[in-house]
């Protein structure tokens, strides 16, 4: 009898695109930070409960020691979110990641930096900013960044992500719940928006979001965001535009008289 060899792998590894929030640490006050994150989880449990976050210590004047960083991670876990990596910044960050046994994700730092902006200290910075990292993982195929706006015809289904690099994005059919559309410019949706829409992904604060039927789980411009629980009920199901002004997200019905 000949034995049958099993060549089926025990695990299948694929590299995909995953939306992970970036938490820019402005203060090492663990109790205060945990309370802020717990409040966010309570206000938007479907979005933030057990959410994966990347910790970015680039807003601090000095890198925390290992014990402080562990206390911070424990505090965030008690608040209901799960730190999964550090944002790469310096060799100190790399050493801290090794001590914490966490991976480093290099792309998360860039969205906060300005070439002409000096590093800020915790005393000069506001409390933890309501920011999300909007830089997606590199797509398997990407259109010419210098071409016209990207037009996406099919429905963007749950788990899918569409990214318009350095241009506007127009979605003809709609964005389903659990789906995500991202643009470095503005986002135009000629159908229902039930998932997430992020405009101005590389910091363009003039970008806007327009949709014909608003049910969004989250909208963000230049990293500033609002979730469904924070949006007035009278805007749901209506044509809506979203813009950023003085660091605050604003929404208005397009069909208002």
Protein backbone atom coordinates (compact mmCIF):
# COMPACT_ATOMS: atom_id res chain seq x y z
CA UNK A 1 0.00 0.00 0.00
CA UNK A 2 1.24 3.44 -0.85
CA UNK A 3 0.78 6.15 1.71
CA UNK A 4 -1.05 9.29 0.68
CA UNK A 5 1.02 12.38 1.35
CA UNK A 6 -0.87 15.43 2.62
CA UNK A 7 0.59 18.58 1.03
CA UNK A 8 -2.21 20.81 2.23
CA UNK A 9 -0.70 23.63 4.37
CA UNK A 10 -1.85 23.97 7.96
CA UNK A 11 -2.30 27.72 7.47
CA UNK A 12 -2.83 29.95 4.45
CA UNK A 13 -1.08 33.33 4.60
CA UNK A 14 -2.38 36.25 2.56
CA UNK A 15 -1.37 39.91 2.59
CA UNK A 16 -4.46 42.10 2.53
CA UNK A 17 -5.61 45.60 3.29
CA UNK A 18 -6.79 46.27 6.83
CA UNK A 19 -8.17 49.46 8.33
CA UNK A 20 -6.43 50.15 11.64
CA UNK A 21 -6.88 53.28 13.72
CA UNK A 22 -3.82 55.30 14.71
CA UNK A 23 -3.78 56.60 18.28
CA UNK A 24 -1.36 59.52 18.56
CA UNK A 25 -0.32 59.64 22.22
CA UNK A 26 -0.18 63.22 23.55
CA UNK A 27 0.08 62.46 27.25
CA UNK A 28 1.29 59.53 29.34
CA UNK A 29 -1.55 60.04 31.81
CA UNK A 30 -2.80 56.46 31.59
CA UNK A 31 -5.99 57.01 33.57
CA UNK A 32 -7.01 59.99 31.45
CA UNK A 33 -6.26 58.28 28.15
CA UNK A 34 -8.12 55.11 29.16
CA UNK A 35 -11.14 57.19 30.18
CA UNK A 36 -11.17 58.98 26.82
CA UNK A 37 -11.03 55.70 24.90
CA UNK A 38 -13.65 54.08 27.12
CA UNK A 39 -15.98 57.00 26.36
CA UNK A 40 -15.43 56.52 22.62
CA UNK A 41 -16.16 52.81 22.87
CA UNK A 42 -19.37 53.49 24.81
CA UNK A 43 -20.55 56.07 22.27
CA UNK A 44 -19.75 53.93 19.24
CA UNK A 45 -19.50 50.29 20.38
CA UNK A 46 -19.95 48.80 16.92
CA UNK A 47 -16.99 50.79 15.62
CA UNK A 48 -14.53 50.86 18.51
CA UNK A 49 -15.28 47.85 20.72
CA UNK A 50 -12.23 45.54 20.58
CA UNK A 51 -10.85 47.73 17.80
CA UNK A 52 -7.22 47.28 16.76
CA UNK A 53 -5.12 50.43 17.22
CA UNK A 54 -1.55 51.39 16.44
CA UNK A 55 0.18 53.46 19.13
CA UNK A 56 2.15 56.46 17.88
CA UNK A 57 4.49 58.03 20.46
CA UNK A 58 5.78 60.65 18.01
CA UNK A 59 3.84 63.43 19.73
CA UNK A 60 5.82 63.07 22.96
CA UNK A 61 9.02 64.89 23.86
CA UNK A 62 10.45 61.64 25.26
CA UNK A 63 9.76 57.99 24.56
CA UNK A 64 8.09 56.22 27.53
CA UNK A 65 9.96 53.50 29.36
CA UNK A 66 8.83 49.91 29.03
CA UNK A 67 6.87 49.79 32.30
CA UNK A 68 4.96 52.97 31.44
CA UNK A 69 4.19 51.70 27.95
CA UNK A 70 2.93 48.39 29.37
CA UNK A 71 0.70 50.26 31.83
CA UNK A 72 -0.65 52.33 28.94
CA UNK A 73 -1.41 49.23 26.89
CA UNK A 74 -3.15 47.59 29.87
CA UNK A 75 -5.22 50.74 30.39
CA UNK A 76 -6.30 50.82 26.75
CA UNK A 77 -7.24 47.15 26.85
CA UNK A 78 -9.36 47.78 29.94
CA UNK A 79 -11.09 50.56 27.99
CA UNK A 80 -12.09 48.10 25.27
CA UNK A 81 -9.50 48.64 22.50
CA UNK A 82 -6.59 46.44 21.50
CA UNK A 83 -3.14 47.92 20.80
CA UNK A 84 -1.56 45.69 18.15
CA UNK A 85 1.58 47.59 17.05
CA UNK A 86 3.70 50.71 17.39
CA UNK A 87 4.10 53.33 14.69
CA UNK A 88 7.74 53.49 13.67
CA UNK A 89 9.51 56.74 14.50
CA UNK A 90 13.05 56.26 15.85
CA UNK A 91 15.45 53.55 16.98
CA UNK A 92 14.05 54.12 20.49
CA UNK A 93 10.64 53.13 19.16
CA UNK A 94 12.13 50.00 17.67
CA UNK A 95 13.73 49.04 21.00
CA UNK A 96 10.46 49.69 22.83
CA UNK A 97 8.54 47.53 20.34
CA UNK A 98 11.01 44.70 20.91
CA UNK A 99 10.62 44.98 24.68
CA UNK A 100 6.83 44.97 24.37
CA UNK A 101 6.91 42.19 21.75
CA UNK A 102 4.81 44.28 19.38
CA UNK A 103 5.38 44.78 15.64
CA UNK A 104 6.26 48.11 14.01
CA UNK A 105 4.15 49.66 11.25
CA UNK A 106 6.14 52.27 9.37
CA UNK A 107 3.44 54.00 7.34
CA UNK A 108 1.39 55.39 10.21
CA UNK A 109 3.73 58.23 11.21
CA UNK A 110 3.70 60.12 7.90
CA UNK A 111 0.13 61.39 8.04
CA UNK A 112 0.83 63.61 11.06
CA UNK A 113 4.16 65.06 9.98
CA UNK A 114 4.79 68.36 8.20
CA UNK A 115 8.18 69.13 6.73
CA UNK A 116 8.24 72.54 8.40
CA UNK A 117 6.64 71.57 11.73
CA UNK A 118 8.81 71.15 14.84
CA UNK A 119 8.15 68.32 17.26
CA UNK A 120 5.69 69.28 19.97
CA UNK A 121 5.86 68.47 23.63
CA UNK A 122 2.94 67.11 25.64
CA UNK A 123 2.51 70.49 27.33
CA UNK A 124 2.09 72.19 23.94
CA UNK A 125 -0.31 69.60 22.59
CA UNK A 126 -4.02 69.18 23.05
CA UNK A 127 -5.46 66.01 24.62
CA UNK A 128 -5.53 62.94 22.40
CA UNK A 129 -6.79 64.15 19.04
CA UNK A 130 -9.90 62.70 17.44
CA UNK A 131 -7.92 61.46 14.49
CA UNK A 132 -7.89 58.31 12.43
CA UNK A 133 -5.11 57.15 10.24
CA UNK A 134 -6.38 57.25 6.69
CA UNK A 135 -3.41 55.96 4.73
CA UNK A 136 -4.43 52.56 3.34
CA UNK A 137 -2.07 49.70 2.69
CA UNK A 138 -0.65 49.70 -0.86
CA UNK A 139 -3.18 48.34 -3.30
CA UNK A 140 -2.41 45.39 -5.52
CA UNK A 141 -3.04 47.65 -8.51
CA UNK A 142 -3.31 51.41 -8.50
CA UNK A 143 -4.26 53.86 -11.22
CA UNK A 144 -1.91 56.63 -12.36
CA UNK A 145 -1.86 59.13 -9.46
CA UNK A 146 -1.72 62.05 -11.88
CA UNK A 147 -4.77 61.02 -13.87
CA UNK A 148 -8.35 62.28 -13.52
CA UNK A 149 -10.63 61.38 -10.63
CA UNK A 150 -11.22 57.67 -10.05
CA UNK A 151 -14.72 56.44 -10.94
CA UNK A 152 -15.87 53.19 -9.30
CA UNK A 153 -19.03 51.72 -10.80
CA UNK A 154 -19.94 48.57 -8.77
CA UNK A 155 -21.26 48.56 -5.22
CA UNK A 156 -18.42 48.61 -2.68
CA UNK A 157 -19.33 45.58 -0.58
CA UNK A 158 -18.64 44.74 3.05
CA UNK A 159 -14.95 44.15 3.65
CA UNK A 160 -13.88 45.91 0.46
CA UNK A 161 -11.81 49.09 0.25
CA UNK A 162 -11.47 51.51 -2.66
CA UNK A 163 -8.67 54.10 -2.56
CA UNK A 164 -8.21 57.08 -4.91
CA UNK A 165 -4.53 58.05 -4.77
CA UNK A 166 -3.93 61.81 -5.08
CA UNK A 167 -7.34 62.53 -6.63
CA UNK A 168 -11.09 62.57 -6.08
CA UNK A 169 -13.18 59.41 -5.88
CA UNK A 170 -16.64 58.97 -7.41
CA UNK A 171 -18.69 55.90 -6.45
CA UNK A 172 -21.68 55.38 -8.74
CA UNK A 173 -23.67 52.60 -7.03
CA UNK A 174 -23.03 52.97 -3.30
CA UNK A 175 -20.99 51.84 -0.31
CA UNK A 176 -22.28 48.92 1.74
CA UNK A 177 -22.08 48.48 5.50
CA UNK A 178 -18.60 47.36 6.52
CA UNK A 179 -17.04 48.76 3.33
CA UNK A 180 -14.59 51.66 3.12
CA UNK A 181 -13.84 54.31 0.50
CA UNK A 182 -10.78 56.55 0.82
CA UNK A 183 -9.61 59.48 -1.27
CA UNK A 184 -6.75 61.96 -1.08
CA UNK A 185 -9.27 64.42 -2.52
CA UNK A 186 -13.05 64.57 -2.18
CA UNK A 187 -15.49 61.64 -2.19
CA UNK A 188 -18.71 61.67 -4.25
CA UNK A 189 -21.21 58.84 -3.76
CA UNK A 190 -24.25 58.68 -6.06
CA UNK A 191 -26.01 56.06 -3.96
CA UNK A 192 -26.34 55.09 -0.30
CA UNK A 193 -23.34 55.42 2.01
CA UNK A 194 -23.65 52.74 4.69
CA UNK A 195 -19.97 52.10 5.41
CA UNK A 196 -17.05 54.47 5.94
CA UNK A 197 -15.96 57.40 3.78
CA UNK A 198 -12.61 59.14 4.34
CA UNK A 199 -11.62 62.20 2.31
CA UNK A 200 -8.43 64.26 2.39
CA UNK A 201 -6.46 61.15 3.38
CA UNK A 202 -3.09 62.89 3.08
CA UNK A 203 -4.15 65.94 5.08
CA UNK A 204 -6.19 67.95 2.55
CA UNK A 205 -8.56 69.89 4.82
CA UNK A 206 -10.43 71.34 1.83
CA UNK A 207 -11.70 67.94 0.74
CA UNK A 208 -15.41 67.14 1.12
CA UNK A 209 -17.73 64.16 1.13
CA UNK A 210 -20.99 64.15 -0.83
CA UNK A 211 -23.53 61.34 -0.84
CA UNK A 212 -27.08 60.88 -2.06
CA UNK A 213 -28.31 58.73 0.88
CA UNK A 214 -26.52 59.09 4.21
CA UNK A 215 -26.27 56.17 6.64
CA UNK A 216 -22.49 56.31 7.21
CA UNK A 217 -20.79 54.30 9.95
CA UNK A 218 -17.99 56.88 9.91
CA UNK A 219 -16.99 59.95 7.91
CA UNK A 220 -13.55 61.55 8.14
CA UNK A 221 -11.74 64.47 6.54
CA UNK A 222 -7.98 64.91 6.97
CA UNK A 223 -8.19 62.45 9.87
CA UNK A 224 -10.95 64.24 11.83
CA UNK A 225 -13.99 62.02 12.11
CA UNK A 226 -17.55 61.53 13.26
CA UNK A 227 -19.34 58.23 13.79
CA UNK A 228 -22.98 57.41 13.19
CA UNK A 229 -23.91 57.82 16.85
CA UNK A 230 -22.74 61.46 16.74
CA UNK A 231 -24.69 62.42 13.62
CA UNK A 232 -28.14 64.08 13.88
CA UNK A 233 -30.92 61.61 13.16
CA UNK A 234 -32.63 64.04 10.78
CA UNK A 235 -29.71 63.73 8.33
CA UNK A 236 -29.94 59.96 7.99
CA UNK A 237 -31.23 58.80 4.64
CA UNK A 238 -30.86 62.25 3.09
CA UNK A 239 -28.39 63.74 0.59
CA UNK A 240 -25.58 65.14 2.73
CA UNK A 241 -22.30 66.97 2.36
CA UNK A 242 -19.48 66.78 4.91
CA UNK A 243 -16.65 69.29 5.33
CA UNK A 244 -14.00 70.39 7.80
CA UNK A 245 -13.91 73.85 9.33
CA UNK A 246 -11.71 75.04 12.21
CA UNK A 247 -10.75 71.46 13.00
CA UNK A 248 -14.39 70.33 13.35
CA UNK A 249 -16.48 68.07 11.10
CA UNK A 250 -19.67 69.71 9.79
CA UNK A 251 -22.60 68.04 8.04
CA UNK A 252 -25.54 69.56 6.18
CA UNK A 253 -28.42 68.25 4.07
CA UNK A 254 -28.05 69.01 0.36
CA UNK A 255 -31.80 68.97 -0.19
CA UNK A 256 -32.54 71.66 2.42
CA UNK A 257 -34.66 74.49 1.16
